[in-house]
Amino acid sequence: GAGHVITVASMAASAVIERRRRATAGAHGEE
């Protein structure tokens, strides 16, 4: 059960990092 909870957090972290990566493309006009 604890492993399930940490995996949920891992997927959320991947979403946040990808959103930040794509934001850098927009900031440089390269999206």
All heavy atoms as atom14 arrays in JSON, in Angstrom:
{
  "sequence": "GAGHVITVASMAASAVIERRRRATAGAHGEE",
  "atom14_mask": [
    [1, 1, 1, 1, 0, 0, 0, 0, 0, 0, 0, 0, 0, 0],
    [1, 1, 1, 1, 1, 0, 0, 0, 0, 0, 0, 0, 0, 0],
    [1, 1, 1, 1, 0, 0, 0, 0, 0, 0, 0, 0, 0, 0],
    [1, 1, 1, 1, 1, 1, 1, 1, 1, 1, 0, 0, 0, 0],
    [1, 1, 1, 1, 1, 1, 1, 0, 0, 0, 0, 0, 0, 0],
    [1, 1, 1, 1, 1, 1, 1, 1, 0, 0, 0, 0, 0, 0],
    [1, 1, 1, 1, 1, 1, 1, 0, 0, 0, 0, 0, 0, 0],
    [1, 1, 1, 1, 1, 1, 1, 0, 0, 0, 0, 0, 0, 0],
    [1, 1, 1, 1, 1, 0, 0, 0, 0, 0, 0, 0, 0, 0],
    [1, 1, 1, 1, 1, 1, 0, 0, 0, 0, 0, 0, 0, 0],
    [1, 1, 1, 1, 1, 1, 1, 1, 0, 0, 0, 0, 0, 0],
    [1, 1, 1, 1, 1, 0, 0, 0, 0, 0, 0, 0, 0, 0],
    [1, 1, 1, 1, 1, 0, 0, 0, 0, 0, 0, 0, 0, 0],
    [1, 1, 1, 1, 1, 1, 0, 0, 0, 0, 0, 0, 0, 0],
    [1, 1, 1, 1, 1, 0, 0, 0, 0, 0, 0, 0, 0, 0],
    [1, 1, 1, 1, 1, 1, 1, 0, 0, 0, 0, 0, 0, 0],
    [1, 1, 1, 1, 1, 1, 1, 1, 0, 0, 0, 0, 0, 0],
    [1, 1, 1, 1, 1, 1, 1, 1, 1, 0, 0, 0, 0, 0],
    [1, 1, 1, 1, 1, 1, 1, 1, 1, 1, 1, 0, 0, 0],
    [1, 1, 1, 1, 1, 1, 1, 1, 1, 1, 1, 0, 0, 0],
    [1, 1, 1, 1, 1, 1, 1, 1, 1, 1, 1, 0, 0, 0],
    [1, 1, 1, 1, 1, 1, 1, 1, 1, 1, 1, 0, 0, 0],
    [1, 1, 1, 1, 1, 0, 0, 0, 0, 0, 0, 0, 0, 0],
    [1, 1, 1, 1, 1, 1, 1, 0, 0, 0, 0, 0, 0, 0],
    [1, 1, 1, 1, 1, 0, 0, 0, 0, 0, 0, 0, 0, 0],
    [1, 1, 1, 1, 0, 0, 0, 0, 0, 0, 0, 0, 0, 0],
    [1, 1, 1, 1, 1, 0, 0, 0, 0, 0, 0, 0, 0, 0],
    [1, 1, 1, 1, 1, 1, 1, 1, 1, 1, 0, 0, 0, 0],
    [1, 1, 1, 1, 0, 0, 0, 0, 0, 0, 0, 0, 0, 0],
    [1, 1, 1, 1, 1, 1, 1, 1, 1, 0, 0, 0, 0, 0],
    [1, 1, 1, 1, 1, 1, 1, 1, 1, 0, 0, 0, 0, 0]
  ],
  "atom14_positions": [
    [[0.81, -1.21, 0.0], [0.0, 0.0, 0.0], [0.85, 1.26, 0.0], [0.54, 2.23, -0.72], [0.0, 0.0, 0.0], [0.0, 0.0, 0.0], [0.0, 0.0, 0.0], [0.0, 0.0, 0.0], [0.0, 0.0, 0.0], [0.0, 0.0, 0.0], [0.0, 0.0, 0.0], [0.0, 0.0, 0.0], [0.0, 0.0, 0.0], [0.0, 0.0, 0.0]],
    [[1.92, 1.27, 0.8], [2.82, 2.43, 0.8], [3.46, 2.62, -0.57], [3.65, 3.75, -1.03], [3.9, 2.24, 1.88], [0.0, 0.0, 0.0], [0.0, 0.0, 0.0], [0.0, 0.0, 0.0], [0.0, 0.0, 0.0], [0.0, 0.0, 0.0], [0.0, 0.0, 0.0], [0.0, 0.0, 0.0], [0.0, 0.0, 0.0], [0.0, 0.0, 0.0]],
    [[3.79, 1.51, -1.24], [4.34, 1.61, -2.58], [3.37, 2.22, -3.56], [3.76, 3.0, -4.45], [0.0, 0.0, 0.0], [0.0, 0.0, 0.0], [0.0, 0.0, 0.0], [0.0, 0.0, 0.0], [0.0, 0.0, 0.0], [0.0, 0.0, 0.0], [0.0, 0.0, 0.0], [0.0, 0.0, 0.0], [0.0, 0.0, 0.0], [0.0, 0.0, 0.0]],
    [[2.08, 1.89, -3.43], [1.04, 2.5, -4.27], [1.04, 4.02, -4.11], [0.98, 4.77, -5.09], [-0.33, 1.95, -3.89], [-0.67, 0.64, -4.52], [-1.54, 0.52, -5.57], [-0.25, -0.62, -4.24], [-1.66, -0.75, -5.92], [-0.89, -1.47, -5.11], [0.0, 0.0, 0.0], [0.0, 0.0, 0.0], [0.0, 0.0, 0.0], [0.0, 0.0, 0.0]],
    [[1.07, 4.49, -2.86], [0.99, 5.93, -2.59], [2.19, 6.66, -3.19], [2.04, 7.72, -3.82], [0.93, 6.17, -1.07], [1.03, 7.67, -0.76], [-0.36, 5.61, -0.49], [0.0, 0.0, 0.0], [0.0, 0.0, 0.0], [0.0, 0.0, 0.0], [0.0, 0.0, 0.0], [0.0, 0.0, 0.0], [0.0, 0.0, 0.0], [0.0, 0.0, 0.0]],
    [[3.39, 6.11, -3.03], [4.59, 6.75, -3.56], [4.57, 6.77, -5.09], [5.04, 7.72, -5.72], [5.85, 6.05, -3.02], [5.92, 6.21, -1.5], [7.11, 6.63, -3.66], [7.09, 5.51, -0.86], [0.0, 0.0, 0.0], [0.0, 0.0, 0.0], [0.0, 0.0, 0.0], [0.0, 0.0, 0.0], [0.0, 0.0, 0.0], [0.0, 0.0, 0.0]],
    [[3.99, 5.75, -5.7], [3.89, 5.73, -7.16], [2.96, 6.83, -7.65], [3.2, 7.43, -8.71], [3.4, 4.35, -7.64], [4.3, 3.34, -7.16], [3.35, 4.29, -9.15], [0.0, 0.0, 0.0], [0.0, 0.0, 0.0], [0.0, 0.0, 0.0], [0.0, 0.0, 0.0], [0.0, 0.0, 0.0], [0.0, 0.0, 0.0], [0.0, 0.0, 0.0]],
    [[1.89, 7.11, -6.93], [1.01, 8.23, -7.27], [1.81, 9.53, -7.28], [1.72, 10.35, -8.22], [-0.16, 8.33, -6.28], [-0.99, 9.59, -6.56], [-1.06, 7.1, -6.37], [0.0, 0.0, 0.0], [0.0, 0.0, 0.0], [0.0, 0.0, 0.0], [0.0, 0.0, 0.0], [0.0, 0.0, 0.0], [0.0, 0.0, 0.0], [0.0, 0.0, 0.0]],
    [[2.64, 9.72, -6.24], [3.48, 10.93, -6.15], [4.48, 10.99, -7.3], [4.78, 12.07, -7.83], [4.22, 10.96, -4.81], [0.0, 0.0, 0.0], [0.0, 0.0, 0.0], [0.0, 0.0, 0.0], [0.0, 0.0, 0.0], [0.0, 0.0, 0.0], [0.0, 0.0, 0.0], [0.0, 0.0, 0.0], [0.0, 0.0, 0.0], [0.0, 0.0, 0.0]],
    [[5.0, 9.84, -7.71], [5.96, 9.8, -8.81], [5.34, 10.26, -10.12], [5.94, 11.03, -10.89], [6.52, 8.38, -8.96], [7.35, 8.27, -10.09], [0.0, 0.0, 0.0], [0.0, 0.0, 0.0], [0.0, 0.0, 0.0], [0.0, 0.0, 0.0], [0.0, 0.0, 0.0], [0.0, 0.0, 0.0], [0.0, 0.0, 0.0], [0.0, 0.0, 0.0]],
    [[4.11, 9.8, -10.41], [3.44, 10.22, -11.63], [3.14, 11.72, -11.6], [3.3, 12.42, -12.63], [2.13, 9.44, -11.81], [2.31, 7.95, -12.01], [3.32, 7.52, -13.43], [4.68, 6.67, -12.61], [0.0, 0.0, 0.0], [0.0, 0.0, 0.0], [0.0, 0.0, 0.0], [0.0, 0.0, 0.0], [0.0, 0.0, 0.0], [0.0, 0.0, 0.0]],
    [[2.75, 12.24, -10.46], [2.49, 13.68, -10.33], [3.78, 14.48, -10.56], [3.76, 15.54, -11.2], [1.89, 13.99, -8.96], [0.0, 0.0, 0.0], [0.0, 0.0, 0.0], [0.0, 0.0, 0.0], [0.0, 0.0, 0.0], [0.0, 0.0, 0.0], [0.0, 0.0, 0.0], [0.0, 0.0, 0.0], [0.0, 0.0, 0.0], [0.0, 0.0, 0.0]],
    [[4.9, 13.98, -10.02], [6.18, 14.67, -10.21], [6.56, 14.69, -11.69], [7.07, 15.7, -12.19], [7.27, 13.97, -9.39], [0.0, 0.0, 0.0], [0.0, 0.0, 0.0], [0.0, 0.0, 0.0], [0.0, 0.0, 0.0], [0.0, 0.0, 0.0], [0.0, 0.0, 0.0], [0.0, 0.0, 0.0], [0.0, 0.0, 0.0], [0.0, 0.0, 0.0]],
    [[6.33, 13.6, -12.41], [6.62, 13.58, -13.85], [5.77, 14.61, -14.6], [6.26, 15.28, -15.52], [6.35, 12.17, -14.42], [7.33, 11.26, -14.01], [0.0, 0.0, 0.0], [0.0, 0.0, 0.0], [0.0, 0.0, 0.0], [0.0, 0.0, 0.0], [0.0, 0.0, 0.0], [0.0, 0.0, 0.0], [0.0, 0.0, 0.0], [0.0, 0.0, 0.0]],
    [[4.51, 14.76, -14.19], [3.64, 15.75, -14.84], [4.13, 17.17, -14.6], [4.16, 18.0, -15.52], [2.21, 15.58, -14.31], [0.0, 0.0, 0.0], [0.0, 0.0, 0.0], [0.0, 0.0, 0.0], [0.0, 0.0, 0.0], [0.0, 0.0, 0.0], [0.0, 0.0, 0.0], [0.0, 0.0, 0.0], [0.0, 0.0, 0.0], [0.0, 0.0, 0.0]],
    [[4.55, 17.47, -13.38], [5.02, 18.82, -13.04], [6.3, 19.15, -13.81], [6.46, 20.25, -14.36], [5.25, 18.94, -11.52], [5.94, 20.26, -11.18], [3.92, 18.84, -10.78], [0.0, 0.0, 0.0], [0.0, 0.0, 0.0], [0.0, 0.0, 0.0], [0.0, 0.0, 0.0], [0.0, 0.0, 0.0], [0.0, 0.0, 0.0], [0.0, 0.0, 0.0]],
    [[7.22, 18.19, -13.86], [8.5, 18.43, -14.56], [8.29, 18.61, -16.05], [8.9, 19.47, -16.68], [9.47, 17.29, -14.26], [9.91, 17.34, -12.79], [10.68, 17.32, -15.19], [10.73, 16.16, -12.34], [0.0, 0.0, 0.0], [0.0, 0.0, 0.0], [0.0, 0.0, 0.0], [0.0, 0.0, 0.0], [0.0, 0.0, 0.0], [0.0, 0.0, 0.0]],
    [[7.4, 17.81, -16.66], [7.13, 17.95, -18.08], [6.46, 19.29, -18.37], [6.76, 19.94, -19.39], [6.25, 16.81, -18.57], [5.72, 16.95, -19.98], [6.81, 17.06, -21.05], [7.98, 16.74, -20.76], [6.49, 17.48, -22.19], [0.0, 0.0, 0.0], [0.0, 0.0, 0.0], [0.0, 0.0, 0.0], [0.0, 0.0, 0.0], [0.0, 0.0, 0.0]],
    [[5.58, 19.73, -17.49], [4.93, 21.04, -17.69], [5.98, 22.16, -17.65], [5.93, 23.09, -18.46], [3.88, 21.27, -16.59], [3.17, 22.62, -16.69], [2.28, 22.67, -17.91], [1.7, 23.99, -18.11], [2.25, 24.95, -18.86], [3.4, 24.73, -19.46], [1.65, 26.1, -19.01], [0.0, 0.0, 0.0], [0.0, 0.0, 0.0], [0.0, 0.0, 0.0]],
    [[6.95, 22.04, -16.75], [8.0, 23.04, -16.65], [8.91, 22.99, -17.88], [9.33, 24.03, -18.4], [8.82, 22.82, -15.38], [9.93, 23.84, -15.19], [10.69, 23.59, -13.91], [11.84, 24.49, -13.8], [12.76, 24.45, -12.85], [12.65, 23.52, -11.9], [13.76, 25.29, -12.83], [0.0, 0.0, 0.0], [0.0, 0.0, 0.0], [0.0, 0.0, 0.0]],
    [[9.21, 21.78, -18.37], [10.06, 21.65, -19.57], [9.4, 22.31, -20.77], [10.04, 23.05, -21.52], [10.32, 20.17, -19.87], [11.25, 19.95, -21.05], [11.11, 18.57, -21.64], [9.84, 18.36, -22.31], [9.56, 18.77, -23.54], [10.46, 19.46, -24.25], [8.37, 18.55, -24.08], [0.0, 0.0, 0.0], [0.0, 0.0, 0.0], [0.0, 0.0, 0.0]],
    [[8.12, 22.05, -20.94], [7.42, 22.62, -22.09], [7.26, 24.13, -21.96], [7.24, 24.85, -22.97], [6.05, 21.95, -22.25], [5.6, 21.85, -23.7], [4.41, 20.95, -23.83], [3.32, 21.33, -22.95], [2.48, 22.35, -23.19], [2.64, 23.08, -24.28], [1.52, 22.62, -22.35], [0.0, 0.0, 0.0], [0.0, 0.0, 0.0], [0.0, 0.0, 0.0]],
    [[7.18, 24.62, -20.7], [7.07, 26.06, -20.49], [8.35, 26.78, -20.93], [8.29, 27.92, -21.41], [6.8, 26.35, -19.02], [0.0, 0.0, 0.0], [0.0, 0.0, 0.0], [0.0, 0.0, 0.0], [0.0, 0.0, 0.0], [0.0, 0.0, 0.0], [0.0, 0.0, 0.0], [0.0, 0.0, 0.0], [0.0, 0.0, 0.0], [0.0, 0.0, 0.0]],
    [[9.49, 26.12, -20.79], [10.74, 26.76, -21.24], [10.76, 26.92, -22.76], [11.32, 27.88, -23.27], [11.97, 25.92, -20.81], [11.89, 24.62, -21.41], [12.02, 25.78, -19.3], [0.0, 0.0, 0.0], [0.0, 0.0, 0.0], [0.0, 0.0, 0.0], [0.0, 0.0, 0.0], [0.0, 0.0, 0.0], [0.0, 0.0, 0.0], [0.0, 0.0, 0.0]],
    [[10.12, 25.96, -23.47], [10.03, 26.09, -24.93], [9.19, 27.31, -25.3], [9.54, 28.09, -26.19], [9.45, 24.82, -25.53], [0.0, 0.0, 0.0], [0.0, 0.0, 0.0], [0.0, 0.0, 0.0], [0.0, 0.0, 0.0], [0.0, 0.0, 0.0], [0.0, 0.0, 0.0], [0.0, 0.0, 0.0], [0.0, 0.0, 0.0], [0.0, 0.0, 0.0]],
    [[8.07, 27.5, -24.59], [7.22, 28.66, -24.85], [7.91, 29.96, -24.51], [7.75, 30.97, -25.22], [0.0, 0.0, 0.0], [0.0, 0.0, 0.0], [0.0, 0.0, 0.0], [0.0, 0.0, 0.0], [0.0, 0.0, 0.0], [0.0, 0.0, 0.0], [0.0, 0.0, 0.0], [0.0, 0.0, 0.0], [0.0, 0.0, 0.0], [0.0, 0.0, 0.0]],
    [[8.69, 29.96, -23.42], [9.39, 31.18, -23.0], [10.44, 31.6, -24.02], [10.75, 32.79, -24.15], [10.05, 30.95, -21.64], [0.0, 0.0, 0.0], [0.0, 0.0, 0.0], [0.0, 0.0, 0.0], [0.0, 0.0, 0.0], [0.0, 0.0, 0.0], [0.0, 0.0, 0.0], [0.0, 0.0, 0.0], [0.0, 0.0, 0.0], [0.0, 0.0, 0.0]],
    [[10.99, 30.66, -24.75], [12.0, 30.97, -25.76], [11.4, 31.07, -27.16], [12.13, 31.19, -28.15], [13.1, 29.89, -25.76], [14.0, 29.94, -24.57], [13.61, 29.46, -23.33], [15.26, 30.44, -24.43], [14.62, 29.64, -22.48], [15.61, 30.23, -23.11], [0.0, 0.0, 0.0], [0.0, 0.0, 0.0], [0.0, 0.0, 0.0], [0.0, 0.0, 0.0]],
    [[10.08, 31.01, -27.25], [9.42, 31.08, -28.55], [9.68, 29.89, -29.43], [9.63, 29.99, -30.66], [0.0, 0.0, 0.0], [0.0, 0.0, 0.0], [0.0, 0.0, 0.0], [0.0, 0.0, 0.0], [0.0, 0.0, 0.0], [0.0, 0.0, 0.0], [0.0, 0.0, 0.0], [0.0, 0.0, 0.0], [0.0, 0.0, 0.0], [0.0, 0.0, 0.0]],
    [[9.98, 28.77, -28.8], [10.34, 27.57, -29.56], [9.31, 26.45, -29.42], [9.57, 25.32, -29.84], [11.69, 27.04, -29.08], [12.85, 27.99, -29.32], [13.26, 28.04, -30.78], [12.75, 27.22, -31.57], [14.08, 28.9, -31.14], [0.0, 0.0, 0.0], [0.0, 0.0, 0.0], [0.0, 0.0, 0.0], [0.0, 0.0, 0.0], [0.0, 0.0, 0.0]],
    [[8.16, 26.75, -28.84], [7.15, 25.7, -28.66], [6.68, 25.21, -30.03], [6.28, 25.99, -30.89], [5.97, 26.25, -27.85], [4.98, 25.17, -27.47], [3.93, 25.67, -26.47], [3.85, 26.9, -26.3], [3.23, 24.84, -25.88], [0.0, 0.0, 0.0], [0.0, 0.0, 0.0], [0.0, 0.0, 0.0], [0.0, 0.0, 0.0], [0.0, 0.0, 0.0]]
  ]
}
